[in-house]
Amino acid sequence: MVKYPWVCWGRIMKRFSIIIIAYNLQEVLERAIESVINQNFADYELIIVDDNSNDNTKEIINKYKEKYNFISVFNEYNRGPGGARNAGFEKATGEYILYLDGDDTFCNNYVLFKINRLIADDAPDILYLGYQEIGGFNKIYIQTKENSTKEALLTCCLSFHTWSKCYRRDFLKENNISFVENMYYEDMIYVIKCTILSKKYKYGSFPIINYYRDRKGSIMHMASIEKCSDMYRYLAILMDLYEQTPNMYKKYLLSFIINETNNLPSKIKLIVKAIEAGTDVPLLSKRNYKLVDNL
């Protein structure tokens, strides 16, 4: 497959940089990588960041690196998901960034083609896209005109996952947007900050990710006290973003913070019970927040 480079300000760049992070994913990582290399759109680079795995993840990654010259591999040492994504972003050269967790996949072989067509010549800062949940509630979540306004996205985003979005790299660099490292819920902070600071955005009413919700060992299901404390940490960070939020959108961000704060005791109770019982955290229902009155 021939790659057709884009030219920007006299230099050649890829259209997309796809960043996969992996930690001990020997059972599922090949599935994720294959979903990328099978894309029918060829102008991309694949960056795989291994966060110090101690199973056969490294061997799997290196096998693909030796076979494909558009794959780059970097090793990090226990920086967690946020740090691994930051490391991948630092190496990225693409015009647009896509994040893919190593235990998920692209929905089909036309994902990059459809995103590229959606971008067209508009240069949006961020694109909001859908995903297919495998396990859990087994639903497809799709962006619409109604749930893709900035007001709706700040009040209660359809998905705070980084991988259901596509980001313009220069927008991220110009606004110094990066992941908070060594904490849970770093993806929520990242997505909300992008939404606050973006000037131009679009949505696509199609899924791009198969999100495997029930994988054993997933961070989503792990029970820990750190998760409880980080819930309050990310809310404090969001409150710090309040001053960067344009006045017309401040009440929507504040509404989310209030709703999330009110919902935390029940979430923490579930986590603490799981810790005491030695079980995984049970599946939580999706947020369905409404705008708080009188803000």
C-alpha atoms as a PDB file:
ATOM      1  CA  MET A   1       0.000   0.000   0.000  1.00  0.00           C
ATOM      2  CA  VAL A   2       1.469   3.367  -1.048  1.00  0.00           C
ATOM      3  CA  LYS A   3       1.600   6.134   1.528  1.00  0.00           C
ATOM      4  CA  TYR A   4       0.729   9.647   0.310  1.00  0.00           C
ATOM      5  CA  PRO A   5       2.344  12.273   2.549  1.00  0.00           C
ATOM      6  CA  TRP A   6       0.825  15.625   3.387  1.00  0.00           C
ATOM      7  CA  VAL A   7       2.996  18.727   2.980  1.00  0.00           C
ATOM      8  CA  CYS A   8       2.741  21.444   5.610  1.00  0.00           C
ATOM      9  CA  TRP A   9       4.895  24.598   5.616  1.00  0.00           C
ATOM     10  CA  GLY A  10       7.470  22.989   3.370  1.00  0.00           C
ATOM     11  CA  ARG A  11       7.834  19.792   5.381  1.00  0.00           C
ATOM     12  CA  ILE A  12       6.366  16.354   4.913  1.00  0.00           C
ATOM     13  CA  MET A  13       4.168  14.985   7.663  1.00  0.00           C
ATOM     14  CA  LYS A  14       1.858  12.036   8.091  1.00  0.00           C
ATOM     15  CA  ARG A  15      -1.862  12.668   8.217  1.00  0.00           C
ATOM     16  CA  PHE A  16      -2.261  10.601  11.402  1.00  0.00           C
ATOM     17  CA  SER A  17      -0.111   9.481  14.297  1.00  0.00           C
ATOM     18  CA  ILE A  18      -1.708   6.527  16.058  1.00  0.00           C
ATOM     19  CA  ILE A  19      -0.384   5.991  19.576  1.00  0.00           C
ATOM     20  CA  ILE A  20      -0.891   2.616  21.243  1.00  0.00           C
ATOM     21  CA  ILE A  21       0.057   2.156  24.880  1.00  0.00           C
ATOM     22  CA  ALA A  22       0.657  -1.324  26.214  1.00  0.00           C
ATOM     23  CA  TYR A  23       1.347  -2.907  29.566  1.00  0.00           C
ATOM     24  CA  ASN A  24       1.252  -6.708  29.939  1.00  0.00           C
ATOM     25  CA  LEU A  25      -1.133  -7.250  27.041  1.00  0.00           C
ATOM     26  CA  GLN A  26       0.324 -10.359  25.430  1.00  0.00           C
ATOM     27  CA  GLU A  27      -3.130 -11.932  24.978  1.00  0.00           C
ATOM     28  CA  VAL A  28      -4.759  -9.020  23.123  1.00  0.00           C
ATOM     29  CA  LEU A  29      -2.116  -6.650  21.734  1.00  0.00           C
ATOM     30  CA  GLU A  30      -1.838  -8.304  18.318  1.00  0.00           C
ATOM     31  CA  ARG A  31      -5.558  -7.748  17.840  1.00  0.00           C
ATOM     32  CA  ALA A  32      -5.081  -3.999  18.362  1.00  0.00           C
ATOM     33  CA  ILE A  33      -2.041  -3.726  16.082  1.00  0.00           C
ATOM     34  CA  GLU A  34      -3.712  -5.732  13.298  1.00  0.00           C
ATOM     35  CA  SER A  35      -6.716  -3.388  13.390  1.00  0.00           C
ATOM     36  CA  VAL A  36      -4.326  -0.537  12.561  1.00  0.00           C
ATOM     37  CA  ILE A  37      -2.195  -2.144   9.872  1.00  0.00           C
ATOM     38  CA  ASN A  38      -5.350  -3.399   8.093  1.00  0.00           C
ATOM     39  CA  GLN A  39      -6.642   0.129   7.543  1.00  0.00           C
ATOM     40  CA  ASN A  40      -7.346   0.998   3.901  1.00  0.00           C
ATOM     41  CA  PHE A  41      -5.914   4.497   4.434  1.00  0.00           C
ATOM     42  CA  ALA A  42      -2.146   4.397   4.384  1.00  0.00           C
ATOM     43  CA  ASP A  43      -0.861   7.845   5.373  1.00  0.00           C
ATOM     44  CA  TYR A  44      -0.147   7.239   9.044  1.00  0.00           C
ATOM     45  CA  GLU A  45       2.536   6.255  11.506  1.00  0.00           C
ATOM     46  CA  LEU A  46       2.013   3.839  14.368  1.00  0.00           C
ATOM     47  CA  ILE A  47       3.774   4.574  17.644  1.00  0.00           C
ATOM     48  CA  ILE A  48       3.711   1.832  20.278  1.00  0.00           C
ATOM     49  CA  VAL A  49       4.752   2.684  23.833  1.00  0.00           C
ATOM     50  CA  ASP A  50       5.483  -0.222  26.164  1.00  0.00           C
ATOM     51  CA  ASP A  51       5.182   0.819  29.814  1.00  0.00           C
ATOM     52  CA  ASN A  52       7.743  -1.684  31.154  1.00  0.00           C
ATOM     53  CA  SER A  53       5.781  -4.888  30.533  1.00  0.00           C
ATOM     54  CA  ASN A  54       7.059  -8.088  32.132  1.00  0.00           C
ATOM     55  CA  ASP A  55       5.219 -10.615  29.943  1.00  0.00           C
ATOM     56  CA  ASN A  56       5.677 -11.240  26.194  1.00  0.00           C
ATOM     57  CA  THR A  57       4.353  -7.820  25.158  1.00  0.00           C
ATOM     58  CA  LYS A  58       7.835  -6.602  24.132  1.00  0.00           C
ATOM     59  CA  GLU A  59       8.389  -9.596  21.871  1.00  0.00           C
ATOM     60  CA  ILE A  60       5.049  -9.050  20.130  1.00  0.00           C
ATOM     61  CA  ILE A  61       5.797  -5.360  19.561  1.00  0.00           C
ATOM     62  CA  ASN A  62       9.263  -6.017  18.199  1.00  0.00           C
ATOM     63  CA  LYS A  63       7.921  -8.629  15.789  1.00  0.00           C
ATOM     64  CA  TYR A  64       5.710  -6.004  14.158  1.00  0.00           C
ATOM     65  CA  LYS A  65       8.408  -3.322  14.251  1.00  0.00           C
ATOM     66  CA  GLU A  66      10.767  -5.559  12.255  1.00  0.00           C
ATOM     67  CA  LYS A  67       8.088  -6.195   9.646  1.00  0.00           C
ATOM     68  CA  TYR A  68       6.689  -2.675   9.120  1.00  0.00           C
ATOM     69  CA  ASN A  69       8.812   0.466   8.683  1.00  0.00           C
ATOM     70  CA  PHE A  70       5.979   2.810   9.705  1.00  0.00           C
ATOM     71  CA  ILE A  71       5.942   1.394  13.249  1.00  0.00           C
ATOM     72  CA  SER A  72       8.053   3.033  15.949  1.00  0.00           C
ATOM     73  CA  VAL A  73       8.518   1.518  19.392  1.00  0.00           C
ATOM     74  CA  PHE A  74       9.463   3.239  22.638  1.00  0.00           C
ATOM     75  CA  ASN A  75       9.915   1.880  26.124  1.00  0.00           C
ATOM     76  CA  GLU A  76       8.861   3.744  29.242  1.00  0.00           C
ATOM     77  CA  TYR A  77       9.283   2.709  32.845  1.00  0.00           C
ATOM     78  CA  ASN A  78       6.154   2.724  34.980  1.00  0.00           C
ATOM     79  CA  ARG A  79       4.865   6.152  33.944  1.00  0.00           C
ATOM     80  CA  GLY A  80       1.320   4.812  33.766  1.00  0.00           C
ATOM     81  CA  PRO A  81      -1.187   5.445  30.938  1.00  0.00           C
ATOM     82  CA  GLY A  82      -0.834   9.229  31.070  1.00  0.00           C
ATOM     83  CA  GLY A  83       2.958   9.174  30.995  1.00  0.00           C
ATOM     84  CA  ALA A  84       3.046   6.568  28.221  1.00  0.00           C
ATOM     85  CA  ARG A  85       0.690   8.644  26.057  1.00  0.00           C
ATOM     86  CA  ASN A  86       2.796  11.756  26.695  1.00  0.00           C
ATOM     87  CA  ALA A  87       5.888   9.847  25.600  1.00  0.00           C
ATOM     88  CA  GLY A  88       4.147   8.747  22.406  1.00  0.00           C
ATOM     89  CA  PHE A  89       2.952  12.262  21.668  1.00  0.00           C
ATOM     90  CA  GLU A  90       6.470  13.650  22.038  1.00  0.00           C
ATOM     91  CA  LYS A  91       7.566  11.360  19.183  1.00  0.00           C
ATOM     92  CA  ALA A  92       4.520  11.933  16.952  1.00  0.00           C
ATOM     93  CA  THR A  93       4.877  13.742  13.623  1.00  0.00           C
ATOM     94  CA  GLY A  94       1.320  13.421  12.312  1.00  0.00           C
ATOM     95  CA  GLU A  95      -1.058  16.267  11.643  1.00  0.00           C
ATOM     96  CA  TYR A  96      -3.696  14.508  13.757  1.00  0.00           C
ATOM     97  CA  ILE A  97      -3.351  12.286  16.813  1.00  0.00           C
ATOM     98  CA  LEU A  98      -5.363   9.165  17.636  1.00  0.00           C
ATOM     99  CA  TYR A  99      -4.916   7.218  20.869  1.00  0.00           C
ATOM    100  CA  LEU A 100      -5.674   3.496  20.942  1.00  0.00           C
ATOM    101  CA  ASP A 101      -5.450   1.385  24.082  1.00  0.00           C
ATOM    102  CA  GLY A 102      -3.659  -1.902  23.497  1.00  0.00           C
ATOM    103  CA  ASP A 103      -6.664  -3.947  24.618  1.00  0.00           C
ATOM    104  CA  ASP A 104      -9.082  -2.264  22.184  1.00  0.00           C
ATOM    105  CA  THR A 105      -9.295  -2.123  18.378  1.00  0.00           C
ATOM    106  CA  PHE A 106     -10.427   0.089  15.544  1.00  0.00           C
ATOM    107  CA  CYS A 107     -14.011  -0.826  14.599  1.00  0.00           C
ATOM    108  CA  ASN A 108     -13.255  -1.701  10.984  1.00  0.00           C
ATOM    109  CA  ASN A 109     -10.780  -1.124   8.155  1.00  0.00           C
ATOM    110  CA  TYR A 110     -12.311   2.225   7.136  1.00  0.00           C
ATOM    111  CA  VAL A 111     -11.777   4.219  10.332  1.00  0.00           C
ATOM    112  CA  LEU A 112      -8.888   6.382   9.100  1.00  0.00           C
ATOM    113  CA  PHE A 113     -10.513   6.891   5.706  1.00  0.00           C
ATOM    114  CA  LYS A 114     -13.731   8.154   7.324  1.00  0.00           C
ATOM    115  CA  ILE A 115     -11.936  10.435   9.791  1.00  0.00           C
ATOM    116  CA  ASN A 116      -9.807  11.889   7.007  1.00  0.00           C
ATOM    117  CA  ARG A 117     -12.921  12.586   4.947  1.00  0.00           C
ATOM    118  CA  LEU A 118     -14.549  14.250   7.964  1.00  0.00           C
ATOM    119  CA  ILE A 119     -11.532  16.500   8.544  1.00  0.00           C
ATOM    120  CA  ALA A 120     -11.515  17.558   4.866  1.00  0.00           C
ATOM    121  CA  ASP A 121      -9.930  21.026   4.621  1.00  0.00           C
ATOM    122  CA  ASP A 122     -11.450  22.389   7.833  1.00  0.00           C
ATOM    123  CA  ALA A 123      -8.527  21.773  10.256  1.00  0.00           C
ATOM    124  CA  PRO A 124     -10.688  21.218  13.367  1.00  0.00           C
ATOM    125  CA  ASP A 125      -8.865  21.185  16.698  1.00  0.00           C
ATOM    126  CA  ILE A 126     -10.748  18.104  17.845  1.00  0.00           C
ATOM    127  CA  LEU A 127     -13.185  15.603  16.368  1.00  0.00           C
ATOM    128  CA  TYR A 128     -15.723  13.811  18.568  1.00  0.00           C
ATOM    129  CA  LEU A 129     -16.491  10.276  17.397  1.00  0.00           C
ATOM    130  CA  GLY A 130     -18.409   7.208  18.542  1.00  0.00           C
ATOM    131  CA  TYR A 131     -17.497   3.764  19.810  1.00  0.00           C
ATOM    132  CA  GLN A 132     -18.839   0.227  20.122  1.00  0.00           C
ATOM    133  CA  GLU A 133     -18.866  -1.272  23.611  1.00  0.00           C
ATOM    134  CA  ILE A 134     -18.025  -4.978  23.686  1.00  0.00           C
ATOM    135  CA  GLY A 135     -19.168  -6.431  26.996  1.00  0.00           C
ATOM    136  CA  GLY A 136     -20.654  -4.225  29.682  1.00  0.00           C
ATOM    137  CA  PHE A 137     -23.789  -2.710  28.174  1.00  0.00           C
ATOM    138  CA  ASN A 138     -22.923  -3.859  24.611  1.00  0.00           C
ATOM    139  CA  LYS A 139     -24.093  -0.624  23.023  1.00  0.00           C
ATOM    140  CA  ILE A 140     -22.934   1.683  20.252  1.00  0.00           C
ATOM    141  CA  TYR A 141     -22.472   5.284  21.363  1.00  0.00           C
ATOM    142  CA  ILE A 142     -22.795   7.824  18.557  1.00  0.00           C
ATOM    143  CA  GLN A 143     -22.187  11.564  18.468  1.00  0.00           C
ATOM    144  CA  THR A 144     -25.102  13.681  17.242  1.00  0.00           C
ATOM    145  CA  LYS A 145     -25.697  17.372  16.591  1.00  0.00           C
ATOM    146  CA  GLU A 146     -27.380  17.659  20.002  1.00  0.00           C
ATOM    147  CA  ASN A 147     -24.747  15.931  22.151  1.00  0.00           C
ATOM    148  CA  SER A 148     -21.775  17.442  20.312  1.00  0.00           C
ATOM    149  CA  THR A 149     -22.244  21.103  21.212  1.00  0.00           C
ATOM    150  CA  LYS A 150     -19.666  22.507  23.610  1.00  0.00           C
ATOM    151  CA  GLU A 151     -22.431  23.083  26.164  1.00  0.00           C
ATOM    152  CA  ALA A 152     -23.500  19.426  26.038  1.00  0.00           C
ATOM    153  CA  LEU A 153     -19.915  18.134  26.042  1.00  0.00           C
ATOM    154  CA  LEU A 154     -19.036  20.067  29.202  1.00  0.00           C
ATOM    155  CA  THR A 155     -22.292  19.247  31.005  1.00  0.00           C
ATOM    156  CA  CYS A 156     -21.943  15.514  30.428  1.00  0.00           C
ATOM    157  CA  CYS A 157     -19.793  14.182  27.602  1.00  0.00           C
ATOM    158  CA  LEU A 158     -20.938  11.004  25.855  1.00  0.00           C
ATOM    159  CA  SER A 159     -17.465   9.601  26.453  1.00  0.00           C
ATOM    160  CA  PHE A 160     -14.546  11.028  28.417  1.00  0.00           C
ATOM    161  CA  HIS A 161     -12.247   8.428  26.848  1.00  0.00           C
ATOM    162  CA  THR A 162      -9.345   9.876  24.868  1.00  0.00           C
ATOM    163  CA  TRP A 163      -9.613   7.188  22.196  1.00  0.00           C
ATOM    164  CA  SER A 164     -13.032   8.259  20.871  1.00  0.00           C
ATOM    165  CA  LYS A 165     -11.561  11.594  19.732  1.00  0.00           C
ATOM    166  CA  CYS A 166      -9.082  12.785  17.129  1.00  0.00           C
ATOM    167  CA  TYR A 167      -6.839  15.758  17.964  1.00  0.00           C
ATOM    168  CA  ARG A 168      -4.913  18.253  15.841  1.00  0.00           C
ATOM    169  CA  ARG A 169      -1.328  17.981  17.010  1.00  0.00           C
ATOM    170  CA  ASP A 170      -0.514  21.682  16.695  1.00  0.00           C
ATOM    171  CA  PHE A 171      -3.579  22.555  18.784  1.00  0.00           C
ATOM    172  CA  LEU A 172      -2.311  20.310  21.578  1.00  0.00           C
ATOM    173  CA  LYS A 173       1.209  21.769  21.383  1.00  0.00           C
ATOM    174  CA  GLU A 174       0.085  25.403  21.233  1.00  0.00           C
ATOM    175  CA  ASN A 175      -2.066  24.955  24.345  1.00  0.00           C
ATOM    176  CA  ASN A 176       0.431  22.777  26.261  1.00  0.00           C
ATOM    177  CA  ILE A 177      -2.163  20.029  26.630  1.00  0.00           C
ATOM    178  CA  SER A 178      -0.732  16.828  28.065  1.00  0.00           C
ATOM    179  CA  PHE A 179      -1.841  14.024  30.350  1.00  0.00           C
ATOM    180  CA  VAL A 180      -1.494  14.280  34.110  1.00  0.00           C
ATOM    181  CA  GLU A 181       0.874  11.454  35.032  1.00  0.00           C
ATOM    182  CA  ASN A 182       0.607   8.858  37.784  1.00  0.00           C
ATOM    183  CA  MET A 183      -3.068   9.281  38.532  1.00  0.00           C
ATOM    184  CA  TYR A 184      -6.356   7.713  37.523  1.00  0.00           C
ATOM    185  CA  TYR A 185      -8.946   9.636  35.443  1.00  0.00           C
ATOM    186  CA  GLU A 186      -6.238  11.483  33.528  1.00  0.00           C
ATOM    187  CA  ASP A 187      -8.247  10.952  30.351  1.00  0.00           C
ATOM    188  CA  MET A 188     -11.205  12.942  31.698  1.00  0.00           C
ATOM    189  CA  ILE A 189      -9.004  15.932  32.458  1.00  0.00           C
ATOM    190  CA  TYR A 190      -7.417  15.741  29.010  1.00  0.00           C
ATOM    191  CA  VAL A 191     -10.714  15.568  27.121  1.00  0.00           C
ATOM    192  CA  ILE A 192     -12.362  18.331  29.131  1.00  0.00           C
ATOM    193  CA  LYS A 193      -9.344  20.629  28.732  1.00  0.00           C
ATOM    194  CA  CYS A 194      -9.404  20.030  24.967  1.00  0.00           C
ATOM    195  CA  THR A 195     -13.100  20.860  24.882  1.00  0.00           C
ATOM    196  CA  ILE A 196     -12.586  24.070  26.861  1.00  0.00           C
ATOM    197  CA  LEU A 197      -9.685  25.345  24.749  1.00  0.00           C
ATOM    198  CA  SER A 198     -10.744  24.217  21.270  1.00  0.00           C
ATOM    199  CA  LYS A 199     -11.801  26.909  18.824  1.00  0.00           C
ATOM    200  CA  LYS A 200     -12.987  24.669  16.025  1.00  0.00           C
ATOM    201  CA  TYR A 201     -14.450  21.187  16.345  1.00  0.00           C
ATOM    202  CA  LYS A 202     -16.509  18.650  14.421  1.00  0.00           C
ATOM    203  CA  TYR A 203     -18.311  15.409  15.168  1.00  0.00           C
ATOM    204  CA  GLY A 204     -18.777  12.190  13.238  1.00  0.00           C
ATOM    205  CA  SER A 205     -21.828   9.977  13.668  1.00  0.00           C
ATOM    206  CA  PHE A 206     -19.913   6.734  13.345  1.00  0.00           C
ATOM    207  CA  PRO A 207     -17.966   4.516  15.772  1.00  0.00           C
ATOM    208  CA  ILE A 208     -14.193   4.225  15.487  1.00  0.00           C
ATOM    209  CA  ILE A 209     -13.299   1.993  18.461  1.00  0.00           C
ATOM    210  CA  ASN A 210     -14.270  -1.433  19.745  1.00  0.00           C
ATOM    211  CA  TYR A 211     -14.019  -0.913  23.498  1.00  0.00           C
ATOM    212  CA  TYR A 212     -13.627  -4.258  25.278  1.00  0.00           C
ATOM    213  CA  ARG A 213     -15.211  -3.410  28.621  1.00  0.00           C
ATOM    214  CA  ASP A 214     -14.926  -6.709  30.505  1.00  0.00           C
ATOM    215  CA  ARG A 215     -11.246  -7.593  30.049  1.00  0.00           C
ATOM    216  CA  LYS A 216      -9.911  -9.171  33.240  1.00  0.00           C
ATOM    217  CA  GLY A 217      -7.072  -7.123  34.717  1.00  0.00           C
ATOM    218  CA  SER A 218      -8.230  -3.869  33.124  1.00  0.00           C
ATOM    219  CA  ILE A 219      -7.491  -0.685  35.088  1.00  0.00           C
ATOM    220  CA  MET A 220     -11.194   0.127  34.783  1.00  0.00           C
ATOM    221  CA  HIS A 221     -12.056  -2.748  37.133  1.00  0.00           C
ATOM    222  CA  MET A 222      -9.207  -2.481  39.618  1.00  0.00           C
ATOM    223  CA  ALA A 223     -10.145  -1.512  43.164  1.00  0.00           C
ATOM    224  CA  SER A 224      -7.714   0.725  45.062  1.00  0.00           C
ATOM    225  CA  ILE A 225      -7.684   3.555  47.568  1.00  0.00           C
ATOM    226  CA  GLU A 226      -5.709   5.612  45.031  1.00  0.00           C
ATOM    227  CA  LYS A 227      -8.760   5.581  42.781  1.00  0.00           C
ATOM    228  CA  CYS A 228     -10.829   7.130  45.566  1.00  0.00           C
ATOM    229  CA  SER A 229      -8.347   9.915  46.293  1.00  0.00           C
ATOM    230  CA  ASP A 230      -7.781  10.595  42.580  1.00  0.00           C
ATOM    231  CA  MET A 231     -11.492  11.240  42.134  1.00  0.00           C
ATOM    232  CA  TYR A 232     -11.058  14.336  44.268  1.00  0.00           C
ATOM    233  CA  ARG A 233      -7.739  15.216  42.651  1.00  0.00           C
ATOM    234  CA  TYR A 234      -9.201  15.375  39.153  1.00  0.00           C
ATOM    235  CA  LEU A 235     -12.118  17.495  40.346  1.00  0.00           C
ATOM    236  CA  ALA A 236      -9.640  19.945  41.898  1.00  0.00           C
ATOM    237  CA  ILE A 237      -7.778  20.110  38.575  1.00  0.00           C
ATOM    238  CA  LEU A 238     -11.031  20.725  36.716  1.00  0.00           C
ATOM    239  CA  MET A 239     -11.842  23.537  39.128  1.00  0.00           C
ATOM    240  CA  ASP A 240      -8.458  25.073  38.311  1.00  0.00           C
ATOM    241  CA  LEU A 241      -9.502  25.019  34.629  1.00  0.00           C
ATOM    242  CA  TYR A 242     -12.534  27.147  35.449  1.00  0.00           C
ATOM    243  CA  GLU A 243     -10.604  30.398  34.935  1.00  0.00           C
ATOM    244  CA  GLN A 244      -9.430  29.244  31.484  1.00  0.00           C
ATOM    245  CA  THR A 245     -12.992  28.536  30.432  1.00  0.00           C
ATOM    246  CA  PRO A 246     -14.729  31.197  28.307  1.00  0.00           C
ATOM    247  CA  ASN A 247     -17.462  32.924  30.334  1.00  0.00           C
ATOM    248  CA  MET A 248     -20.264  31.561  28.162  1.00  0.00           C
ATOM    249  CA  TYR A 249     -19.262  27.982  29.054  1.00  0.00           C
ATOM    250  CA  LYS A 250     -18.305  28.317  32.717  1.00  0.00           C
ATOM    251  CA  LYS A 251     -21.695  27.294  34.065  1.00  0.00           C
ATOM    252  CA  TYR A 252     -21.579  24.040  32.087  1.00  0.00           C
ATOM    253  CA  LEU A 253     -18.197  23.052  33.495  1.00  0.00           C
ATOM    254  CA  LEU A 254     -19.310  24.032  36.999  1.00  0.00           C
ATOM    255  CA  SER A 255     -22.482  21.988  36.575  1.00  0.00           C
ATOM    256  CA  PHE A 256     -20.423  18.901  35.702  1.00  0.00           C
ATOM    257  CA  ILE A 257     -18.158  19.412  38.720  1.00  0.00           C
ATOM    258  CA  ILE A 258     -21.161  19.736  41.042  1.00  0.00           C
ATOM    259  CA  ASN A 259     -22.901  16.649  39.617  1.00  0.00           C
ATOM    260  CA  GLU A 260     -19.709  14.602  39.745  1.00  0.00           C
ATOM    261  CA  THR A 261     -18.971  15.705  43.321  1.00  0.00           C
ATOM    262  CA  ASN A 262     -22.464  14.682  44.438  1.00  0.00           C
ATOM    263  CA  ASN A 263     -22.017  11.293  42.766  1.00  0.00           C
ATOM    264  CA  LEU A 264     -18.633  10.477  44.321  1.00  0.00           C
ATOM    265  CA  PRO A 265     -19.764   9.043  47.684  1.00  0.00           C
ATOM    266  CA  SER A 266     -21.674   6.204  46.015  1.00  0.00           C
ATOM    267  CA  LYS A 267     -18.730   5.439  43.688  1.00  0.00           C
ATOM    268  CA  ILE A 268     -16.242   5.429  46.560  1.00  0.00           C
ATOM    269  CA  LYS A 269     -18.503   3.144  48.567  1.00  0.00           C
ATOM    270  CA  LEU A 270     -18.493   0.601  45.708  1.00  0.00           C
ATOM    271  CA  ILE A 271     -14.703   0.760  45.413  1.00  0.00           C
ATOM    272  CA  VAL A 272     -14.156   0.337  49.162  1.00  0.00           C
ATOM    273  CA  LYS A 273     -16.545  -2.639  49.241  1.00  0.00           C
ATOM    274  CA  ALA A 274     -14.628  -4.219  46.348  1.00  0.00           C
ATOM    275  CA  ILE A 275     -11.327  -3.705  48.188  1.00  0.00           C
ATOM    276  CA  GLU A 276     -12.725  -5.357  51.337  1.00  0.00           C
ATOM    277  CA  ALA A 277     -14.173  -8.275  49.347  1.00  0.00           C
ATOM    278  CA  GLY A 278     -11.103  -8.676  47.140  1.00  0.00           C
ATOM    279  CA  THR A 279     -13.181  -8.341  43.971  1.00  0.00           C
ATOM    280  CA  ASP A 280     -13.219  -6.112  40.899  1.00  0.00           C
ATOM    281  CA  VAL A 281     -15.129  -2.838  40.891  1.00  0.00           C
ATOM    282  CA  PRO A 282     -18.619  -3.524  39.481  1.00  0.00           C
ATOM    283  CA  LEU A 283     -19.722  -1.964  36.219  1.00  0.00           C
ATOM    284  CA  LEU A 284     -21.045   1.554  36.803  1.00  0.00           C
ATOM    285  CA  SER A 285     -23.930   3.052  34.870  1.00  0.00           C
ATOM    286  CA  LYS A 286     -23.169   5.783  32.337  1.00  0.00           C
ATOM    287  CA  ARG A 287     -23.327   9.388  33.512  1.00  0.00           C
ATOM    288  CA  ASN A 288     -26.542  11.147  32.561  1.00  0.00           C
ATOM    289  CA  TYR A 289     -26.024  14.575  34.104  1.00  0.00           C
ATOM    290  CA  LYS A 290     -28.319  17.531  33.434  1.00  0.00           C
ATOM    291  CA  LEU A 291     -27.442  21.201  33.794  1.00  0.00           C
ATOM    292  CA  VAL A 292     -27.700  22.298  37.426  1.00  0.00           C
ATOM    293  CA  ASP A 293     -30.260  25.067  37.882  1.00  0.00           C
ATOM    294  CA  ASN A 294     -29.435  28.637  38.938  1.00  0.00           C
ATOM    295  CA  LEU A 295     -25.744  28.699  38.019  1.00  0.00           C
END
